[in-house]
Amino acid sequence: MSDTRLGFADQEPIVYTPLMTLYTLHDMPKSGALLGIDPGKKTLGLAICDVTQLIASPHSVIKRTTLKADLASVFKLYSERNCTGMIIGLPLNMQGDEGPSAQSARALARNILKFCDIPIAFQDERLTSAQAERAMLEGDLSRRRRADLIDAAAASVILQTAIDRLANS
């Protein structure tokens, strides 16, 4: 097995671990902050929930460059916020089947698990961007500001949906 490393300048490198299994939503940790990800072709929208898993908040948007740089940014936030798991949006087609975007989201999860053994579950993200856009319109944000925040807001909707489902299970 090759010694693939990914790390930050001020931290120990993350070393490749064997591929772990994905969790179902109901097997996720019941406490601790969770990181929500809205995976896109050009960006990764990020959101964080509080340690009691009641409220999800938009955090930031990563402009995608290389896999190594993208994962370094995700792992840095995960570590800084002491997260206990990740929820990744799964972009299903309106009929509920998986297309290329869903396959890309699954590939992102597999790549994360190659470097870090953490709980990851998927959440259906159909219409989350539209829901986030409506919320920002109600907040009277400018078109430019909405464009800057839409992916983080969508990640927040994805994460809030997941933690609401966890609370009701």
C-alpha atoms as a PDB file:
ATOM      1  CA  MET A   1       0.000   0.000   0.000  1.00  0.00           C
ATOM      2  CA  SER A   2       1.439   3.380  -0.924  1.00  0.00           C
ATOM      3  CA  ASP A   3       2.136   5.990   1.739  1.00  0.00           C
ATOM      4  CA  THR A   4      -0.111   8.789   0.525  1.00  0.00           C
ATOM      5  CA  ARG A   5       0.015  11.851   2.795  1.00  0.00           C
ATOM      6  CA  LEU A   6      -2.172  14.910   3.069  1.00  0.00           C
ATOM      7  CA  GLY A   7      -1.626  17.519   5.739  1.00  0.00           C
ATOM      8  CA  PHE A   8      -1.250  21.137   6.722  1.00  0.00           C
ATOM      9  CA  ALA A   9       1.873  23.152   7.346  1.00  0.00           C
ATOM     10  CA  ASP A  10       1.253  23.311  11.097  1.00  0.00           C
ATOM     11  CA  GLN A  11      -0.090  19.774  11.603  1.00  0.00           C
ATOM     12  CA  GLU A  12       0.995  16.199  11.236  1.00  0.00           C
ATOM     13  CA  PRO A  13       0.172  14.789   7.801  1.00  0.00           C
ATOM     14  CA  ILE A  14      -2.902  12.651   7.391  1.00  0.00           C
ATOM     15  CA  VAL A  15      -1.827   9.195   6.323  1.00  0.00           C
ATOM     16  CA  TYR A  16      -3.811   6.884   4.063  1.00  0.00           C
ATOM     17  CA  THR A  17      -6.075   4.469   5.909  1.00  0.00           C
ATOM     18  CA  PRO A  18      -8.003   1.542   4.480  1.00  0.00           C
ATOM     19  CA  LEU A  19     -11.334   2.440   2.909  1.00  0.00           C
ATOM     20  CA  MET A  20     -14.034   2.407   5.580  1.00  0.00           C
ATOM     21  CA  THR A  21     -17.739   1.932   5.085  1.00  0.00           C
ATOM     22  CA  LEU A  22     -20.216   4.760   4.833  1.00  0.00           C
ATOM     23  CA  TYR A  23     -22.738   5.201   7.617  1.00  0.00           C
ATOM     24  CA  THR A  24     -26.482   5.371   7.370  1.00  0.00           C
ATOM     25  CA  LEU A  25     -27.826   8.619   8.711  1.00  0.00           C
ATOM     26  CA  HIS A  26     -29.244   6.910  11.796  1.00  0.00           C
ATOM     27  CA  ASP A  27     -25.829   5.427  12.679  1.00  0.00           C
ATOM     28  CA  MET A  28     -24.168   8.843  12.829  1.00  0.00           C
ATOM     29  CA  PRO A  29     -22.910  10.182  16.177  1.00  0.00           C
ATOM     30  CA  LYS A  30     -25.817  11.636  18.172  1.00  0.00           C
ATOM     31  CA  SER A  31     -23.774  14.493  19.616  1.00  0.00           C
ATOM     32  CA  GLY A  32     -20.940  16.680  18.464  1.00  0.00           C
ATOM     33  CA  ALA A  33     -20.667  19.079  15.566  1.00  0.00           C
ATOM     34  CA  LEU A  34     -21.265  17.740  12.077  1.00  0.00           C
ATOM     35  CA  LEU A  35     -19.836  19.149   8.874  1.00  0.00           C
ATOM     36  CA  GLY A  36     -22.246  19.446   5.941  1.00  0.00           C
ATOM     37  CA  ILE A  37     -20.961  19.506   2.374  1.00  0.00           C
ATOM     38  CA  ASP A  38     -22.783  20.573  -0.777  1.00  0.00           C
ATOM     39  CA  PRO A  39     -20.522  19.109  -3.474  1.00  0.00           C
ATOM     40  CA  GLY A  40     -20.455  20.877  -6.802  1.00  0.00           C
ATOM     41  CA  LYS A  41     -18.242  20.795  -9.872  1.00  0.00           C
ATOM     42  CA  LYS A  42     -16.665  24.177  -9.137  1.00  0.00           C
ATOM     43  CA  THR A  43     -17.219  24.611  -5.402  1.00  0.00           C
ATOM     44  CA  LEU A  44     -17.804  22.819  -2.120  1.00  0.00           C
ATOM     45  CA  GLY A  45     -20.339  24.541   0.105  1.00  0.00           C
ATOM     46  CA  LEU A  46     -19.676  23.950   3.799  1.00  0.00           C
ATOM     47  CA  ALA A  47     -21.927  24.196   6.842  1.00  0.00           C
ATOM     48  CA  ILE A  48     -21.502  23.314  10.519  1.00  0.00           C
ATOM     49  CA  CYS A  49     -24.038  22.393  13.170  1.00  0.00           C
ATOM     50  CA  ASP A  50     -23.716  22.987  16.878  1.00  0.00           C
ATOM     51  CA  VAL A  51     -22.577  20.199  19.215  1.00  0.00           C
ATOM     52  CA  THR A  52     -26.173  19.461  20.250  1.00  0.00           C
ATOM     53  CA  GLN A  53     -27.062  18.960  16.565  1.00  0.00           C
ATOM     54  CA  LEU A  54     -29.964  21.392  16.650  1.00  0.00           C
ATOM     55  CA  ILE A  55     -28.970  24.212  14.309  1.00  0.00           C
ATOM     56  CA  ALA A  56     -26.988  24.116  11.068  1.00  0.00           C
ATOM     57  CA  SER A  57     -25.295  27.303   9.884  1.00  0.00           C
ATOM     58  CA  PRO A  58     -23.607  28.144   6.585  1.00  0.00           C
ATOM     59  CA  HIS A  59     -19.844  28.366   6.979  1.00  0.00           C
ATOM     60  CA  SER A  60     -17.918  28.915   3.761  1.00  0.00           C
ATOM     61  CA  VAL A  61     -17.416  28.003   0.120  1.00  0.00           C
ATOM     62  CA  ILE A  62     -14.285  26.336  -1.201  1.00  0.00           C
ATOM     63  CA  LYS A  63     -13.407  27.014  -4.822  1.00  0.00           C
ATOM     64  CA  ARG A  64     -12.334  23.601  -6.074  1.00  0.00           C
ATOM     65  CA  THR A  65      -8.797  23.282  -7.400  1.00  0.00           C
ATOM     66  CA  THR A  66      -7.066  19.967  -6.779  1.00  0.00           C
ATOM     67  CA  LEU A  67      -8.363  17.060  -4.747  1.00  0.00           C
ATOM     68  CA  LYS A  68      -5.463  17.435  -2.313  1.00  0.00           C
ATOM     69  CA  ALA A  69      -6.149  21.145  -1.735  1.00  0.00           C
ATOM     70  CA  ASP A  70      -9.903  20.607  -1.489  1.00  0.00           C
ATOM     71  CA  LEU A  71      -9.545  17.834   1.085  1.00  0.00           C
ATOM     72  CA  ALA A  72      -6.951  19.805   3.063  1.00  0.00           C
ATOM     73  CA  SER A  73      -9.472  22.653   3.441  1.00  0.00           C
ATOM     74  CA  VAL A  74     -12.251  20.259   4.438  1.00  0.00           C
ATOM     75  CA  PHE A  75     -10.064  18.391   6.955  1.00  0.00           C
ATOM     76  CA  LYS A  76      -8.784  21.645   8.438  1.00  0.00           C
ATOM     77  CA  LEU A  77     -12.328  22.866   9.154  1.00  0.00           C
ATOM     78  CA  TYR A  78     -13.355  19.411  10.412  1.00  0.00           C
ATOM     79  CA  SER A  79     -10.440  19.429  12.837  1.00  0.00           C
ATOM     80  CA  GLU A  80     -10.796  23.068  13.943  1.00  0.00           C
ATOM     81  CA  ARG A  81     -14.470  22.582  14.790  1.00  0.00           C
ATOM     82  CA  ASN A  82     -13.946  19.173  16.456  1.00  0.00           C
ATOM     83  CA  CYS A  83     -16.533  17.579  14.197  1.00  0.00           C
ATOM     84  CA  THR A  84     -17.724  14.052  14.840  1.00  0.00           C
ATOM     85  CA  GLY A  85     -18.972  13.276  11.319  1.00  0.00           C
ATOM     86  CA  MET A  86     -19.856  14.564   7.850  1.00  0.00           C
ATOM     87  CA  ILE A  87     -23.083  14.783   5.910  1.00  0.00           C
ATOM     88  CA  ILE A  88     -22.569  14.988   2.161  1.00  0.00           C
ATOM     89  CA  GLY A  89     -25.371  16.099  -0.124  1.00  0.00           C
ATOM     90  CA  LEU A  90     -26.337  13.445  -2.654  1.00  0.00           C
ATOM     91  CA  PRO A  91     -27.715  15.128  -5.782  1.00  0.00           C
ATOM     92  CA  LEU A  92     -30.341  12.662  -6.956  1.00  0.00           C
ATOM     93  CA  ASN A  93     -32.373  13.241 -10.102  1.00  0.00           C
ATOM     94  CA  MET A  94     -35.998  14.283  -9.555  1.00  0.00           C
ATOM     95  CA  GLN A  95     -37.036  10.658 -10.191  1.00  0.00           C
ATOM     96  CA  GLY A  96     -34.760   9.578  -7.328  1.00  0.00           C
ATOM     97  CA  ASP A  97     -32.079   7.870  -9.406  1.00  0.00           C
ATOM     98  CA  GLU A  98     -28.379   8.711  -9.413  1.00  0.00           C
ATOM     99  CA  GLY A  99     -26.675  10.517 -12.252  1.00  0.00           C
ATOM    100  CA  PRO A 100     -23.111  11.763 -12.770  1.00  0.00           C
ATOM    101  CA  SER A 101     -23.361  14.368  -9.980  1.00  0.00           C
ATOM    102  CA  ALA A 102     -24.370  11.735  -7.434  1.00  0.00           C
ATOM    103  CA  GLN A 103     -21.490   9.527  -8.581  1.00  0.00           C
ATOM    104  CA  SER A 104     -19.164  12.504  -8.071  1.00  0.00           C
ATOM    105  CA  ALA A 105     -20.493  13.009  -4.511  1.00  0.00           C
ATOM    106  CA  ARG A 106     -19.904   9.334  -3.757  1.00  0.00           C
ATOM    107  CA  ALA A 107     -16.364   9.624  -5.163  1.00  0.00           C
ATOM    108  CA  LEU A 108     -15.740  12.602  -2.857  1.00  0.00           C
ATOM    109  CA  ALA A 109     -16.803  10.485   0.137  1.00  0.00           C
ATOM    110  CA  ARG A 110     -14.536   7.623  -0.951  1.00  0.00           C
ATOM    111  CA  ASN A 111     -11.614  10.044  -1.303  1.00  0.00           C
ATOM    112  CA  ILE A 112     -12.253  11.493   2.161  1.00  0.00           C
ATOM    113  CA  LEU A 113     -12.325   7.994   3.640  1.00  0.00           C
ATOM    114  CA  LYS A 114      -9.020   7.128   1.991  1.00  0.00           C
ATOM    115  CA  PHE A 115      -7.353   9.720   4.213  1.00  0.00           C
ATOM    116  CA  CYS A 116      -9.482   9.847   7.333  1.00  0.00           C
ATOM    117  CA  ASP A 117     -11.647   7.250   9.079  1.00  0.00           C
ATOM    118  CA  ILE A 118     -14.651   9.402   9.972  1.00  0.00           C
ATOM    119  CA  PRO A 119     -18.409   8.826   9.939  1.00  0.00           C
ATOM    120  CA  ILE A 120     -19.916   9.988   6.632  1.00  0.00           C
ATOM    121  CA  ALA A 121     -23.542   9.755   5.580  1.00  0.00           C
ATOM    122  CA  PHE A 122     -25.429  11.064   2.561  1.00  0.00           C
ATOM    123  CA  GLN A 123     -28.497  13.285   2.535  1.00  0.00           C
ATOM    124  CA  ASP A 124     -30.755  13.744  -0.497  1.00  0.00           C
ATOM    125  CA  GLU A 125     -30.120  17.284  -1.669  1.00  0.00           C
ATOM    126  CA  ARG A 126     -32.857  17.692  -4.261  1.00  0.00           C
ATOM    127  CA  LEU A 127     -34.119  21.287  -4.340  1.00  0.00           C
ATOM    128  CA  THR A 128     -31.793  22.471  -1.552  1.00  0.00           C
ATOM    129  CA  SER A 129     -30.286  25.225  -3.708  1.00  0.00           C
ATOM    130  CA  ALA A 130     -33.781  26.473  -4.558  1.00  0.00           C
ATOM    131  CA  GLN A 131     -34.727  26.403  -0.874  1.00  0.00           C
ATOM    132  CA  ALA A 132     -31.539  28.281   0.072  1.00  0.00           C
ATOM    133  CA  GLU A 133     -32.146  30.825  -2.711  1.00  0.00           C
ATOM    134  CA  ARG A 134     -35.686  31.496  -1.440  1.00  0.00           C
ATOM    135  CA  ALA A 135     -34.394  32.033   2.098  1.00  0.00           C
ATOM    136  CA  MET A 136     -31.777  34.493   0.863  1.00  0.00           C
ATOM    137  CA  LEU A 137     -34.368  36.357  -1.234  1.00  0.00           C
ATOM    138  CA  GLU A 138     -36.519  36.684   1.884  1.00  0.00           C
ATOM    139  CA  GLY A 139     -33.436  38.078   3.620  1.00  0.00           C
ATOM    140  CA  ASP A 140     -33.222  40.714   0.862  1.00  0.00           C
ATOM    141  CA  LEU A 141     -29.663  39.821  -0.136  1.00  0.00           C
ATOM    142  CA  SER A 142     -28.298  41.277  -3.350  1.00  0.00           C
ATOM    143  CA  ARG A 143     -27.850  39.034  -6.371  1.00  0.00           C
ATOM    144  CA  ARG A 144     -24.063  39.217  -5.993  1.00  0.00           C
ATOM    145  CA  ARG A 145     -24.193  38.295  -2.293  1.00  0.00           C
ATOM    146  CA  ARG A 146     -26.596  35.404  -3.004  1.00  0.00           C
ATOM    147  CA  ALA A 147     -24.223  34.061  -5.662  1.00  0.00           C
ATOM    148  CA  ASP A 148     -21.340  34.149  -3.153  1.00  0.00           C
ATOM    149  CA  LEU A 149     -23.332  32.365  -0.429  1.00  0.00           C
ATOM    150  CA  ILE A 150     -25.620  29.931  -2.253  1.00  0.00           C
ATOM    151  CA  ASP A 151     -23.409  26.847  -1.889  1.00  0.00           C
ATOM    152  CA  ALA A 152     -22.802  27.344   1.844  1.00  0.00           C
ATOM    153  CA  ALA A 153     -26.514  28.052   2.329  1.00  0.00           C
ATOM    154  CA  ALA A 154     -27.397  24.873   0.412  1.00  0.00           C
ATOM    155  CA  ALA A 155     -24.933  22.916   2.594  1.00  0.00           C
ATOM    156  CA  SER A 156     -26.735  24.338   5.621  1.00  0.00           C
ATOM    157  CA  VAL A 157     -30.111  23.154   4.276  1.00  0.00           C
ATOM    158  CA  ILE A 158     -28.643  19.689   3.607  1.00  0.00           C
ATOM    159  CA  LEU A 159     -27.173  19.504   7.109  1.00  0.00           C
ATOM    160  CA  GLN A 160     -30.316  20.870   8.795  1.00  0.00           C
ATOM    161  CA  THR A 161     -32.447  18.295   6.990  1.00  0.00           C
ATOM    162  CA  ALA A 162     -30.124  15.525   8.163  1.00  0.00           C
ATOM    163  CA  ILE A 163     -30.019  16.636  11.815  1.00  0.00           C
ATOM    164  CA  ASP A 164     -33.806  17.059  11.829  1.00  0.00           C
ATOM    165  CA  ARG A 165     -34.138  13.482  10.567  1.00  0.00           C
ATOM    166  CA  LEU A 166     -31.669  12.314  13.238  1.00  0.00           C
ATOM    167  CA  ALA A 167     -33.674  14.061  15.951  1.00  0.00           C
ATOM    168  CA  ASN A 168     -36.907  12.443  14.755  1.00  0.00           C
ATOM    169  CA  SER A 169     -35.505   8.899  14.595  1.00  0.00           C
END
